[in-house]
């Protein structure tokens, strides 16, 4: 394996993991509880908890609702930190 391939593989994070980390980070920066984020996104609190634990496969529509509630663009939720 080339060093470039190893670097890419070492930096790879599944989309579900990136999404969860970014939601948790942004929610914390805004001082939102899971319940507050769920309210703003018009979703259930347990759904937000499942997404943050990476236990739920989320639709793009719900990603968009969460992004809107957090005040960011959808792509920002999938960007590596």
N, C-alpha and C. Protein backbone atom coordinates (compact mmCIF):
# COMPACT_ATOMS: atom_id res chain seq x y z
N UNK A 1 0.85 -1.17 0.00
CA UNK A 1 0.00 0.00 0.00
C UNK A 1 0.90 1.24 0.00
N UNK A 2 0.59 2.21 -0.85
CA UNK A 2 1.39 3.43 -0.92
C UNK A 2 1.12 4.30 0.29
N UNK A 3 2.03 5.23 0.55
CA UNK A 3 1.86 6.11 1.71
C UNK A 3 0.63 6.99 1.54
N UNK A 4 0.28 7.38 0.31
CA UNK A 4 -0.93 8.16 0.07
C UNK A 4 -2.16 7.35 0.41
N UNK A 5 -2.19 6.08 0.00
CA UNK A 5 -3.33 5.22 0.31
C UNK A 5 -3.48 5.02 1.81
N UNK A 6 -2.35 4.85 2.50
CA UNK A 6 -2.40 4.68 3.95
C UNK A 6 -2.92 5.95 4.63
N UNK A 7 -2.48 7.11 4.15
CA UNK A 7 -2.92 8.37 4.73
C UNK A 7 -4.43 8.53 4.56
N UNK A 8 -4.94 8.26 3.37
CA UNK A 8 -6.37 8.35 3.11
C UNK A 8 -7.14 7.37 3.98
N UNK A 9 -6.66 6.13 4.08
CA UNK A 9 -7.35 5.14 4.89
C UNK A 9 -7.33 5.52 6.36
N UNK A 10 -6.22 6.07 6.85
CA UNK A 10 -6.12 6.48 8.25
C UNK A 10 -7.04 7.65 8.56
N UNK A 11 -7.31 8.51 7.57
CA UNK A 11 -8.15 9.68 7.80
C UNK A 11 -9.63 9.38 7.57
N UNK A 12 -9.94 8.25 6.98
CA UNK A 12 -11.34 7.93 6.66
C UNK A 12 -12.16 7.77 7.92
N UNK A 13 -13.29 8.42 7.93
CA UNK A 13 -14.26 8.25 9.00
C UNK A 13 -15.61 8.00 8.34
N UNK A 14 -16.33 7.01 8.79
CA UNK A 14 -17.66 6.78 8.22
C UNK A 14 -18.55 8.02 8.36
N UNK A 15 -19.42 8.22 7.40
CA UNK A 15 -20.31 9.39 7.40
C UNK A 15 -21.14 9.46 8.68
N UNK A 16 -21.58 8.32 9.14
CA UNK A 16 -22.40 8.28 10.36
C UNK A 16 -21.61 8.83 11.56
N UNK A 17 -20.32 8.48 11.61
CA UNK A 17 -19.46 8.96 12.70
C UNK A 17 -19.22 10.46 12.58
N UNK A 18 -18.92 10.93 11.37
CA UNK A 18 -18.72 12.37 11.16
C UNK A 18 -19.96 13.16 11.54
N UNK A 19 -21.10 12.67 11.10
CA UNK A 19 -22.37 13.34 11.39
C UNK A 19 -22.58 13.44 12.90
N UNK A 20 -22.39 12.34 13.59
CA UNK A 20 -22.60 12.32 15.05
C UNK A 20 -21.65 13.28 15.75
N UNK A 21 -20.37 13.23 15.41
CA UNK A 21 -19.39 14.11 16.05
C UNK A 21 -19.72 15.59 15.81
N UNK A 22 -20.10 15.92 14.59
CA UNK A 22 -20.40 17.31 14.28
C UNK A 22 -21.68 17.79 14.95
N UNK A 23 -22.69 16.94 15.02
CA UNK A 23 -23.91 17.33 15.72
C UNK A 23 -23.62 17.57 17.19
N UNK A 24 -22.88 16.67 17.81
CA UNK A 24 -22.55 16.82 19.23
C UNK A 24 -21.76 18.10 19.46
N UNK A 25 -20.77 18.35 18.61
CA UNK A 25 -19.93 19.55 18.74
C UNK A 25 -20.76 20.82 18.58
N UNK A 26 -21.52 20.90 17.50
CA UNK A 26 -22.31 22.11 17.23
C UNK A 26 -23.40 22.32 18.27
N UNK A 27 -24.01 21.24 18.69
CA UNK A 27 -25.04 21.33 19.73
C UNK A 27 -24.45 21.89 21.02
N UNK A 28 -23.24 21.41 21.35
CA UNK A 28 -22.54 21.91 22.53
C UNK A 28 -22.18 23.38 22.42
N UNK A 29 -21.70 23.77 21.23
CA UNK A 29 -21.33 25.17 21.01
C UNK A 29 -22.53 26.10 21.17
N UNK A 30 -23.70 25.62 20.79
CA UNK A 30 -24.92 26.43 20.91
C UNK A 30 -25.56 26.32 22.29
N UNK A 31 -25.06 25.39 23.10
CA UNK A 31 -25.63 25.18 24.42
C UNK A 31 -26.99 24.49 24.38
N UNK A 32 -27.22 23.73 23.30
CA UNK A 32 -28.48 23.00 23.15
C UNK A 32 -28.39 21.65 23.82
N UNK A 33 -29.44 21.27 24.51
CA UNK A 33 -29.60 19.88 24.95
C UNK A 33 -30.10 19.08 23.75
N UNK A 34 -30.10 17.78 23.88
CA UNK A 34 -30.68 16.96 22.81
C UNK A 34 -32.16 17.32 22.63
N UNK A 35 -32.82 17.59 23.72
CA UNK A 35 -34.23 17.94 23.66
C UNK A 35 -34.45 19.27 22.93
N UNK A 36 -33.60 20.25 23.21
CA UNK A 36 -33.73 21.55 22.54
C UNK A 36 -33.46 21.42 21.04
N UNK A 37 -32.43 20.66 20.68
CA UNK A 37 -32.15 20.45 19.26
C UNK A 37 -33.31 19.73 18.59
N UNK A 38 -33.83 18.71 19.23
CA UNK A 38 -34.96 17.97 18.67
C UNK A 38 -36.15 18.89 18.46
N UNK A 39 -36.42 19.76 19.41
CA UNK A 39 -37.53 20.70 19.28
C UNK A 39 -37.32 21.62 18.09
N UNK A 40 -36.12 22.19 17.97
CA UNK A 40 -35.81 23.11 16.88
C UNK A 40 -35.88 22.42 15.52
N UNK A 41 -35.48 21.15 15.48
CA UNK A 41 -35.47 20.38 14.23
C UNK A 41 -36.80 19.68 13.95
N UNK A 42 -37.73 19.80 14.88
CA UNK A 42 -39.02 19.12 14.78
C UNK A 42 -38.86 17.60 14.67
N UNK A 43 -37.98 17.08 15.52
CA UNK A 43 -37.73 15.65 15.61
C UNK A 43 -37.89 15.23 17.07
N UNK A 44 -37.86 13.95 17.34
CA UNK A 44 -37.98 13.44 18.71
C UNK A 44 -36.61 13.39 19.36
N UNK A 45 -36.57 13.66 20.67
CA UNK A 45 -35.30 13.66 21.40
C UNK A 45 -34.58 12.32 21.29
N UNK A 46 -35.31 11.23 21.36
CA UNK A 46 -34.65 9.92 21.27
C UNK A 46 -34.04 9.70 19.89
N UNK A 47 -34.64 10.30 18.87
CA UNK A 47 -34.07 10.20 17.52
C UNK A 47 -32.70 10.89 17.49
N UNK A 48 -32.61 12.08 18.07
CA UNK A 48 -31.33 12.80 18.14
C UNK A 48 -30.31 11.96 18.90
N UNK A 49 -30.72 11.37 20.01
CA UNK A 49 -29.82 10.52 20.80
C UNK A 49 -29.32 9.34 19.98
N UNK A 50 -30.20 8.72 19.23
CA UNK A 50 -29.79 7.59 18.38
C UNK A 50 -28.81 8.02 17.30
N UNK A 51 -29.04 9.17 16.70
CA UNK A 51 -28.13 9.67 15.67
C UNK A 51 -26.75 9.95 16.29
N UNK A 52 -26.73 10.57 17.45
CA UNK A 52 -25.46 10.88 18.11
C UNK A 52 -24.72 9.62 18.54
N UNK A 53 -25.43 8.55 18.83
CA UNK A 53 -24.79 7.28 19.20
C UNK A 53 -24.48 6.43 17.97
N UNK A 54 -24.83 6.95 16.79
CA UNK A 54 -24.60 6.26 15.52
C UNK A 54 -25.40 4.96 15.43
N UNK A 55 -26.54 4.96 16.10
CA UNK A 55 -27.38 3.77 16.12
C UNK A 55 -28.53 3.86 15.12
N UNK A 56 -28.59 4.96 14.40
CA UNK A 56 -29.73 5.19 13.51
C UNK A 56 -29.23 5.60 12.14
N UNK A 57 -29.81 5.02 11.12
CA UNK A 57 -29.55 5.44 9.75
C UNK A 57 -30.51 6.59 9.46
N UNK A 58 -29.98 7.74 9.14
CA UNK A 58 -30.78 8.96 9.06
C UNK A 58 -31.03 9.35 7.61
N UNK A 59 -32.22 9.83 7.31
CA UNK A 59 -32.53 10.27 5.95
C UNK A 59 -31.93 11.65 5.69
N UNK A 60 -31.74 11.97 4.44
CA UNK A 60 -31.20 13.28 4.08
C UNK A 60 -32.16 14.39 4.50
N UNK A 61 -33.45 14.11 4.52
CA UNK A 61 -34.43 15.11 4.97
C UNK A 61 -34.19 15.48 6.43
N UNK A 62 -33.90 14.47 7.26
CA UNK A 62 -33.65 14.74 8.67
C UNK A 62 -32.29 15.38 8.90
N UNK A 63 -31.31 15.05 8.07
CA UNK A 63 -30.01 15.74 8.15
C UNK A 63 -30.24 17.23 7.88
N UNK A 64 -31.07 17.52 6.89
CA UNK A 64 -31.37 18.90 6.56
C UNK A 64 -32.08 19.62 7.70
N UNK A 65 -33.01 18.96 8.36
CA UNK A 65 -33.71 19.56 9.51
C UNK A 65 -32.73 19.88 10.64
N UNK A 66 -31.82 18.95 10.90
CA UNK A 66 -30.83 19.16 11.97
C UNK A 66 -29.88 20.29 11.60
N UNK A 67 -29.42 20.31 10.36
CA UNK A 67 -28.53 21.38 9.91
C UNK A 67 -29.20 22.74 10.07
N UNK A 68 -30.44 22.83 9.64
CA UNK A 68 -31.18 24.09 9.75
C UNK A 68 -31.29 24.51 11.22
N UNK A 69 -31.61 23.55 12.09
CA UNK A 69 -31.75 23.85 13.52
C UNK A 69 -30.43 24.31 14.13
N UNK A 70 -29.32 23.80 13.61
CA UNK A 70 -28.00 24.17 14.12
C UNK A 70 -27.44 25.41 13.43
N UNK A 71 -28.12 25.87 12.39
CA UNK A 71 -27.68 27.07 11.69
C UNK A 71 -26.48 26.86 10.77
N UNK A 72 -26.36 25.65 10.21
CA UNK A 72 -25.25 25.35 9.32
C UNK A 72 -25.78 24.75 8.02
N UNK A 73 -24.91 24.66 7.03
CA UNK A 73 -25.25 24.00 5.78
C UNK A 73 -25.13 22.49 5.98
N UNK A 74 -25.87 21.73 5.21
CA UNK A 74 -25.88 20.28 5.33
C UNK A 74 -24.47 19.70 5.21
N UNK A 75 -23.70 20.17 4.24
CA UNK A 75 -22.35 19.62 4.03
C UNK A 75 -21.46 19.78 5.25
N UNK A 76 -21.71 20.81 6.06
CA UNK A 76 -20.87 21.04 7.24
C UNK A 76 -21.02 19.92 8.27
N UNK A 77 -22.15 19.24 8.26
CA UNK A 77 -22.36 18.14 9.19
C UNK A 77 -21.57 16.89 8.81
N UNK A 78 -21.06 16.87 7.58
CA UNK A 78 -20.33 15.69 7.10
C UNK A 78 -18.85 15.99 6.88
N UNK A 79 -18.39 17.15 7.29
CA UNK A 79 -16.98 17.53 7.11
C UNK A 79 -16.14 17.03 8.28
N UNK A 80 -14.96 16.47 7.99
CA UNK A 80 -14.06 16.07 9.08
C UNK A 80 -13.65 17.29 9.89
N UNK A 81 -13.42 17.09 11.16
CA UNK A 81 -12.99 18.19 12.05
C UNK A 81 -11.55 18.55 11.81
